[in-house]
C-alpha atoms as a PDB file:
ATOM      1  CA  MET A   1      20.810 -51.511 -23.577  1.00  0.00           C
ATOM      2  CA  LYS A   2      24.567 -51.283 -23.924  1.00  0.00           C
ATOM      3  CA  GLU A   3      26.654 -53.359 -21.589  1.00  0.00           C
ATOM      4  CA  ASN A   4      29.237 -51.652 -19.405  1.00  0.00           C
ATOM      5  CA  ILE A   5      32.787 -52.198 -20.599  1.00  0.00           C
ATOM      6  CA  VAL A   6      34.818 -54.013 -17.996  1.00  0.00           C
ATOM      7  CA  VAL A   7      38.511 -53.110 -17.988  1.00  0.00           C
ATOM      8  CA  PRO A   8      40.626 -56.282 -17.654  1.00  0.00           C
ATOM      9  CA  GLU A   9      42.491 -56.559 -14.420  1.00  0.00           C
ATOM     10  CA  ASP A  10      45.399 -58.570 -15.829  1.00  0.00           C
ATOM     11  CA  GLU A  11      48.592 -56.547 -15.452  1.00  0.00           C
ATOM     12  CA  TRP A  12      49.738 -56.951 -19.069  1.00  0.00           C
ATOM     13  CA  GLN A  13      46.328 -55.883 -20.377  1.00  0.00           C
ATOM     14  CA  THR A  14      46.315 -52.825 -18.098  1.00  0.00           C
ATOM     15  CA  ASP A  15      49.764 -51.831 -19.335  1.00  0.00           C
ATOM     16  CA  TYR A  16      48.614 -52.251 -22.921  1.00  0.00           C
ATOM     17  CA  LEU A  17      45.570 -50.033 -22.372  1.00  0.00           C
ATOM     18  CA  ASN A  18      47.723 -47.371 -20.685  1.00  0.00           C
ATOM     19  CA  SER A  19      50.163 -47.399 -23.613  1.00  0.00           C
ATOM     20  CA  TYR A  20      47.294 -47.107 -26.081  1.00  0.00           C
ATOM     21  CA  THR A  21      45.813 -44.185 -24.147  1.00  0.00           C
ATOM     22  CA  ASN A  22      49.167 -42.379 -23.999  1.00  0.00           C
ATOM     23  CA  ALA A  23      49.761 -42.879 -27.726  1.00  0.00           C
ATOM     24  CA  SER A  24      46.286 -41.599 -28.547  1.00  0.00           C
ATOM     25  CA  GLU A  25      46.800 -38.546 -26.379  1.00  0.00           C
ATOM     26  CA  THR A  26      50.139 -37.805 -28.054  1.00  0.00           C
ATOM     27  CA  LEU A  27      48.569 -38.116 -31.507  1.00  0.00           C
ATOM     28  CA  ARG A  28      45.712 -35.827 -30.471  1.00  0.00           C
ATOM     29  CA  LYS A  29      48.190 -33.179 -29.316  1.00  0.00           C
ATOM     30  CA  ILE A  30      50.142 -33.397 -32.579  1.00  0.00           C
ATOM     31  CA  VAL A  31      46.994 -32.981 -34.668  1.00  0.00           C
ATOM     32  CA  SER A  32      45.947 -30.072 -32.471  1.00  0.00           C
ATOM     33  CA  MET A  33      49.319 -28.372 -32.984  1.00  0.00           C
ATOM     34  CA  LEU A  34      49.045 -28.745 -36.766  1.00  0.00           C
ATOM     35  CA  LYS A  35      45.695 -26.948 -36.696  1.00  0.00           C
ATOM     36  CA  GLU A  36      46.909 -24.035 -34.566  1.00  0.00           C
ATOM     37  CA  GLU A  37      47.089 -20.543 -36.006  1.00  0.00           C
ATOM     38  CA  PRO A  38      50.537 -19.007 -36.708  1.00  0.00           C
ATOM     39  CA  VAL A  39      52.352 -18.047 -33.545  1.00  0.00           C
ATOM     40  CA  MET A  40      52.004 -14.371 -32.652  1.00  0.00           C
ATOM     41  CA  ARG A  41      55.098 -12.712 -31.195  1.00  0.00           C
ATOM     42  CA  GLU A  42      55.206  -9.407 -29.386  1.00  0.00           C
ATOM     43  CA  VAL A  43      58.337  -7.420 -30.181  1.00  0.00           C
ATOM     44  CA  THR A  44      59.513  -4.509 -28.056  1.00  0.00           C
ATOM     45  CA  PHE A  45      61.704  -1.997 -29.874  1.00  0.00           C
ATOM     46  CA  GLU A  46      64.584  -0.046 -28.352  1.00  0.00           C
ATOM     47  CA  GLY A  47      62.460   3.016 -27.618  1.00  0.00           C
ATOM     48  CA  GLY A  48      59.806   0.954 -25.873  1.00  0.00           C
ATOM     49  CA  ALA A  49      57.293   0.714 -28.728  1.00  0.00           C
ATOM     50  CA  LYS A  50      55.645  -2.670 -29.190  1.00  0.00           C
ATOM     51  CA  ARG A  51      54.407  -4.504 -32.243  1.00  0.00           C
ATOM     52  CA  ILE A  52      52.751  -7.861 -32.821  1.00  0.00           C
ATOM     53  CA  MET A  53      54.745  -9.852 -35.373  1.00  0.00           C
ATOM     54  CA  GLU A  54      53.385 -12.802 -37.341  1.00  0.00           C
ATOM     55  CA  ASN A  55      55.119 -15.134 -39.766  1.00  0.00           C
ATOM     56  CA  LYS A  56      54.396 -12.805 -42.682  1.00  0.00           C
ATOM     57  CA  GLY A  57      57.995 -12.275 -43.758  1.00  0.00           C
ATOM     58  CA  ARG A  58      60.766  -9.705 -43.322  1.00  0.00           C
ATOM     59  CA  PHE A  59      60.506  -7.389 -46.311  1.00  0.00           C
ATOM     60  CA  ASP A  60      63.006  -5.025 -44.706  1.00  0.00           C
ATOM     61  CA  LEU A  61      65.770  -7.641 -45.066  1.00  0.00           C
ATOM     62  CA  LEU A  62      65.281  -8.338 -48.788  1.00  0.00           C
ATOM     63  CA  PRO A  63      68.071  -7.565 -51.303  1.00  0.00           C
ATOM     64  CA  GLU A  64      66.239  -4.496 -52.575  1.00  0.00           C
ATOM     65  CA  SER A  65      68.382  -3.469 -55.527  1.00  0.00           C
ATOM     66  CA  GLN A  66      68.468  -6.965 -56.968  1.00  0.00           C
ATOM     67  CA  ILE A  67      64.711  -7.449 -56.623  1.00  0.00           C
ATOM     68  CA  ALA A  68      64.135  -4.110 -58.332  1.00  0.00           C
ATOM     69  CA  ASP A  69      66.332  -5.405 -61.142  1.00  0.00           C
ATOM     70  CA  ILE A  70      64.116  -8.504 -61.504  1.00  0.00           C
ATOM     71  CA  TYR A  71      61.003  -6.316 -61.875  1.00  0.00           C
ATOM     72  CA  GLN A  72      62.824  -4.219 -64.471  1.00  0.00           C
ATOM     73  CA  THR A  73      64.013  -7.299 -66.344  1.00  0.00           C
ATOM     74  CA  LYS A  74      60.444  -8.615 -66.487  1.00  0.00           C
ATOM     75  CA  LEU A  75      59.301  -5.339 -68.068  1.00  0.00           C
ATOM     76  CA  LEU A  76      62.162  -5.161 -70.564  1.00  0.00           C
ATOM     77  CA  ILE A  77      61.617  -8.749 -71.701  1.00  0.00           C
ATOM     78  CA  SER A  78      57.880  -8.206 -72.166  1.00  0.00           C
ATOM     79  CA  ILE A  79      58.462  -5.359 -74.633  1.00  0.00           C
ATOM     80  CA  ASP A  80      61.287  -7.057 -76.529  1.00  0.00           C
ATOM     81  CA  PRO A  81      59.805  -9.557 -79.021  1.00  0.00           C
ATOM     82  CA  LYS A  82      63.285 -10.848 -79.894  1.00  0.00           C
ATOM     83  CA  HIS A  83      63.794 -12.131 -76.349  1.00  0.00           C
ATOM     84  CA  PHE A  84      62.684 -15.495 -74.973  1.00  0.00           C
ATOM     85  CA  GLN A  85      59.138 -15.052 -73.681  1.00  0.00           C
ATOM     86  CA  PRO A  86      58.272 -17.423 -70.800  1.00  0.00           C
ATOM     87  CA  GLU A  87      54.547 -16.700 -71.250  1.00  0.00           C
ATOM     88  CA  GLU A  88      54.686 -18.126 -74.771  1.00  0.00           C
ATOM     89  CA  ALA A  89      56.899 -21.123 -73.987  1.00  0.00           C
ATOM     90  CA  THR A  90      55.825 -24.672 -73.254  1.00  0.00           C
ATOM     91  CA  GLU A  91      56.820 -26.231 -69.941  1.00  0.00           C
ATOM     92  CA  GLU A  92      59.540 -28.213 -71.714  1.00  0.00           C
ATOM     93  CA  GLU A  93      60.919 -25.100 -73.424  1.00  0.00           C
ATOM     94  CA  LEU A  94      60.971 -23.175 -70.153  1.00  0.00           C
ATOM     95  CA  THR A  95      62.715 -26.025 -68.347  1.00  0.00           C
ATOM     96  CA  TYR A  96      65.284 -26.212 -71.118  1.00  0.00           C
ATOM     97  CA  GLU A  97      65.946 -22.462 -70.886  1.00  0.00           C
ATOM     98  CA  ILE A  98      66.415 -22.686 -67.107  1.00  0.00           C
ATOM     99  CA  THR A  99      68.822 -25.609 -67.319  1.00  0.00           C
ATOM    100  CA  GLN A 100      70.849 -23.888 -70.037  1.00  0.00           C
ATOM    101  CA  LEU A 101      71.136 -20.719 -67.971  1.00  0.00           C
ATOM    102  CA  LEU A 102      72.054 -22.749 -64.910  1.00  0.00           C
ATOM    103  CA  TYR A 103      75.406 -23.695 -66.443  1.00  0.00           C
ATOM    104  CA  SER A 104      75.869 -20.826 -68.875  1.00  0.00           C
ATOM    105  CA  PHE A 105      78.512 -19.212 -66.676  1.00  0.00           C
ATOM    106  CA  SER A 106      81.626 -20.418 -64.901  1.00  0.00           C
ATOM    107  CA  VAL A 107      82.360 -19.750 -61.246  1.00  0.00           C
ATOM    108  CA  LYS A 108      86.065 -19.955 -62.034  1.00  0.00           C
ATOM    109  CA  ASP A 109      85.730 -17.349 -64.807  1.00  0.00           C
ATOM    110  CA  TYR A 110      83.893 -15.047 -62.438  1.00  0.00           C
ATOM    111  CA  GLU A 111      86.563 -15.452 -59.777  1.00  0.00           C
ATOM    112  CA  ASN A 112      89.078 -14.388 -62.442  1.00  0.00           C
ATOM    113  CA  HIS A 113      86.882 -11.368 -63.298  1.00  0.00           C
ATOM    114  CA  VAL A 114      85.907 -12.771 -66.695  1.00  0.00           C
ATOM    115  CA  ASN A 115      82.397 -12.294 -68.128  1.00  0.00           C
ATOM    116  CA  VAL A 116      81.041 -10.713 -64.949  1.00  0.00           C
ATOM    117  CA  ALA A 117      78.268  -8.840 -66.770  1.00  0.00           C
ATOM    118  CA  GLU A 118      77.178 -12.012 -68.588  1.00  0.00           C
ATOM    119  CA  THR A 119      77.141 -13.926 -65.311  1.00  0.00           C
ATOM    120  CA  TYR A 120      74.942 -11.295 -63.675  1.00  0.00           C
ATOM    121  CA  ASN A 121      72.558 -11.336 -66.633  1.00  0.00           C
ATOM    122  CA  SER A 122      72.265 -15.124 -66.516  1.00  0.00           C
ATOM    123  CA  LEU A 123      71.471 -14.975 -62.801  1.00  0.00           C
ATOM    124  CA  ARG A 124      68.689 -12.426 -63.136  1.00  0.00           C
ATOM    125  CA  LEU A 125      67.109 -14.359 -66.013  1.00  0.00           C
ATOM    126  CA  LEU A 126      67.305 -17.521 -63.906  1.00  0.00           C
ATOM    127  CA  VAL A 127      65.467 -15.803 -61.056  1.00  0.00           C
ATOM    128  CA  LEU A 128      62.829 -14.464 -63.438  1.00  0.00           C
ATOM    129  CA  TYR A 129      62.189 -17.757 -65.231  1.00  0.00           C
ATOM    130  CA  ILE A 130      62.121 -19.835 -62.034  1.00  0.00           C
ATOM    131  CA  SER A 131      59.674 -17.318 -60.561  1.00  0.00           C
ATOM    132  CA  TYR A 132      57.468 -17.660 -63.621  1.00  0.00           C
ATOM    133  CA  ALA A 133      57.616 -21.457 -63.590  1.00  0.00           C
ATOM    134  CA  GLN A 134      56.791 -21.654 -59.878  1.00  0.00           C
ATOM    135  CA  TYR A 135      54.388 -18.763 -59.281  1.00  0.00           C
ATOM    136  CA  ASN A 136      52.563 -18.072 -62.542  1.00  0.00           C
ATOM    137  CA  THR A 137      49.584 -20.263 -61.703  1.00  0.00           C
ATOM    138  CA  GLU A 138      46.860 -18.141 -63.277  1.00  0.00           C
ATOM    139  CA  PRO A 139      46.824 -16.059 -66.488  1.00  0.00           C
ATOM    140  CA  GLY A 140      48.111 -12.576 -65.782  1.00  0.00           C
ATOM    141  CA  ASP A 141      49.640 -13.461 -62.390  1.00  0.00           C
ATOM    142  CA  ASP A 142      52.143 -10.977 -60.986  1.00  0.00           C
ATOM    143  CA  TYR A 143      54.528 -13.856 -60.449  1.00  0.00           C
ATOM    144  CA  VAL A 144      57.440 -11.659 -59.365  1.00  0.00           C
ATOM    145  CA  SER A 145      55.422 -10.173 -56.505  1.00  0.00           C
ATOM    146  CA  LYS A 146      54.257 -13.655 -55.499  1.00  0.00           C
ATOM    147  CA  MET A 147      57.903 -14.728 -55.459  1.00  0.00           C
ATOM    148  CA  VAL A 148      58.902 -11.705 -53.353  1.00  0.00           C
ATOM    149  CA  LYS A 149      56.223 -12.539 -50.788  1.00  0.00           C
ATOM    150  CA  GLN A 150      57.554 -16.076 -50.384  1.00  0.00           C
ATOM    151  CA  LEU A 151      61.125 -14.797 -50.357  1.00  0.00           C
ATOM    152  CA  ALA A 152      60.342 -12.476 -47.448  1.00  0.00           C
ATOM    153  CA  ILE A 153      59.077 -15.453 -45.432  1.00  0.00           C
ATOM    154  CA  HIS A 154      62.195 -17.427 -46.391  1.00  0.00           C
ATOM    155  CA  VAL A 155      64.405 -14.519 -45.286  1.00  0.00           C
ATOM    156  CA  GLN A 156      62.541 -14.225 -41.986  1.00  0.00           C
ATOM    157  CA  LYS A 157      63.172 -17.889 -41.204  1.00  0.00           C
ATOM    158  CA  GLY A 158      66.844 -17.442 -42.044  1.00  0.00           C
ATOM    159  CA  ALA A 159      67.132 -14.372 -39.812  1.00  0.00           C
ATOM    160  CA  GLU A 160      65.550 -16.245 -36.904  1.00  0.00           C
ATOM    161  CA  LYS A 161      67.970 -19.154 -37.369  1.00  0.00           C
ATOM    162  CA  TYR A 162      71.237 -17.398 -38.243  1.00  0.00           C
ATOM    163  CA  GLY A 163      70.697 -13.747 -37.302  1.00  0.00           C
ATOM    164  CA  GLU A 164      69.755 -10.776 -39.466  1.00  0.00           C
ATOM    165  CA  ARG A 165      71.786 -10.242 -42.646  1.00  0.00           C
ATOM    166  CA  ASN A 166      74.046 -13.206 -41.916  1.00  0.00           C
ATOM    167  CA  CYS A 167      74.353 -13.844 -45.667  1.00  0.00           C
ATOM    168  CA  GLU A 168      75.860 -10.371 -46.154  1.00  0.00           C
ATOM    169  CA  LYS A 169      78.815 -11.060 -43.851  1.00  0.00           C
ATOM    170  CA  GLY A 170      81.078 -12.869 -46.272  1.00  0.00           C
ATOM    171  CA  ILE A 171      79.565 -15.954 -47.916  1.00  0.00           C
ATOM    172  CA  PRO A 172      81.602 -16.457 -51.105  1.00  0.00           C
ATOM    173  CA  PHE A 173      80.069 -16.324 -54.572  1.00  0.00           C
ATOM    174  CA  TRP A 174      80.771 -19.988 -55.312  1.00  0.00           C
ATOM    175  CA  SER A 175      78.779 -21.068 -52.243  1.00  0.00           C
ATOM    176  CA  PHE A 176      75.639 -19.261 -53.446  1.00  0.00           C
ATOM    177  CA  ILE A 177      76.011 -20.840 -56.898  1.00  0.00           C
ATOM    178  CA  ASP A 178      76.673 -24.303 -55.499  1.00  0.00           C
ATOM    179  CA  SER A 179      73.600 -24.153 -53.255  1.00  0.00           C
ATOM    180  CA  GLY A 180      71.422 -22.574 -55.956  1.00  0.00           C
ATOM    181  CA  ARG A 181      72.271 -25.224 -58.528  1.00  0.00           C
ATOM    182  CA  ARG A 182      71.611 -27.974 -55.994  1.00  0.00           C
ATOM    183  CA  HIS A 183      68.183 -26.572 -55.103  1.00  0.00           C
ATOM    184  CA  ILE A 184      67.235 -26.204 -58.778  1.00  0.00           C
ATOM    185  CA  THR A 185      68.252 -29.802 -59.440  1.00  0.00           C
ATOM    186  CA  GLN A 186      66.049 -30.924 -56.534  1.00  0.00           C
ATOM    187  CA  TRP A 187      63.233 -28.703 -57.832  1.00  0.00           C
ATOM    188  CA  LEU A 188      63.513 -30.257 -61.302  1.00  0.00           C
ATOM    189  CA  LEU A 189      63.331 -33.687 -59.650  1.00  0.00           C
ATOM    190  CA  HIS A 190      60.090 -32.586 -57.939  1.00  0.00           C
ATOM    191  CA  GLU A 191      61.478 -33.097 -54.437  1.00  0.00           C
ATOM    192  CA  THR A 192      59.132 -31.573 -51.875  1.00  0.00           C
ATOM    193  CA  ASP A 193      61.026 -31.810 -48.574  1.00  0.00           C
ATOM    194  CA  GLU A 194      61.391 -28.015 -48.703  1.00  0.00           C
ATOM    195  CA  ASN A 195      60.654 -25.082 -51.007  1.00  0.00           C
ATOM    196  CA  HIS A 196      63.567 -25.645 -53.375  1.00  0.00           C
ATOM    197  CA  ALA A 197      62.424 -23.002 -55.873  1.00  0.00           C
ATOM    198  CA  ILE A 198      62.523 -20.140 -53.356  1.00  0.00           C
ATOM    199  CA  SER A 199      65.769 -21.468 -51.866  1.00  0.00           C
ATOM    200  CA  ALA A 200      67.374 -21.389 -55.318  1.00  0.00           C
ATOM    201  CA  ILE A 201      66.019 -17.906 -55.993  1.00  0.00           C
ATOM    202  CA  TRP A 202      67.422 -16.696 -52.677  1.00  0.00           C
ATOM    203  CA  ASN A 203      70.868 -18.049 -53.549  1.00  0.00           C
ATOM    204  CA  PHE A 204      70.895 -16.551 -57.039  1.00  0.00           C
ATOM    205  CA  LEU A 205      69.700 -13.151 -55.778  1.00  0.00           C
ATOM    206  CA  TYR A 206      72.490 -13.093 -53.226  1.00  0.00           C
ATOM    207  CA  ALA A 207      74.975 -14.159 -55.871  1.00  0.00           C
ATOM    208  CA  MET A 208      73.815 -11.028 -57.732  1.00  0.00           C
ATOM    209  CA  TRP A 209      74.152  -9.060 -54.482  1.00  0.00           C
ATOM    210  CA  THR A 210      77.711 -10.372 -54.114  1.00  0.00           C
ATOM    211  CA  ILE A 211      78.589  -9.179 -57.615  1.00  0.00           C
ATOM    212  CA  ASP A 212      77.186  -5.730 -56.841  1.00  0.00           C
ATOM    213  CA  ASN A 213      79.029  -5.561 -53.520  1.00  0.00           C
ATOM    214  CA  SER A 214      82.182  -7.512 -54.343  1.00  0.00           C
ATOM    215  CA  GLN A 215      84.514  -4.614 -53.542  1.00  0.00           C
ATOM    216  CA  SER A 216      83.087  -4.264 -50.032  1.00  0.00           C
ATOM    217  CA  THR A 217      82.988  -7.967 -49.163  1.00  0.00           C
ATOM    218  CA  GLN A 218      85.653 -10.653 -48.839  1.00  0.00           C
ATOM    219  CA  SER A 219      87.546 -11.671 -51.948  1.00  0.00           C
ATOM    220  CA  LEU A 220      85.564 -14.176 -53.996  1.00  0.00           C
END
């Protein structure tokens, strides 16, 4: 027969037990929160219609033209045997190609309207190769679509933090490049504090967007 546990009556022991109980309760709540399902939000539109929104991404806020260009680039590369083929490259070869592209263009040259087409081409190849390196986990994966799915979630988080289409209101070209190169460096160093691959892709896609819309945005 188990003996009843007698709680000590000493004041310091009582305080200790209370602290232990409070800490345990806090830990239990934290674990419970981590196991919760994604938060569901009900959105009411201007006309009164309602929709349940989950953290599935904002595909309507994606840079559509630039993403279409990535899909097209993937197709063109696959049918051009003279071009670098990421599917046939080793991890070391792919990493080398990414790092070479990362510094294959000059922000200063672009600001002086030099080699703009080459800069754009380097950016779209960067996006494609990073997407392959990060999201081609199984043979035959549609790694661009997997990237787009993660990008939509990334864009949703940005819209909730900064407002919709904040990045289209005048962030200069150099800022996108600076941030993109930083995230790729952190990705190459295997830092996992955030999704550095998708953050870099986002920056490079919006650098492409800036090139396409440079006449309608602030001077670069």
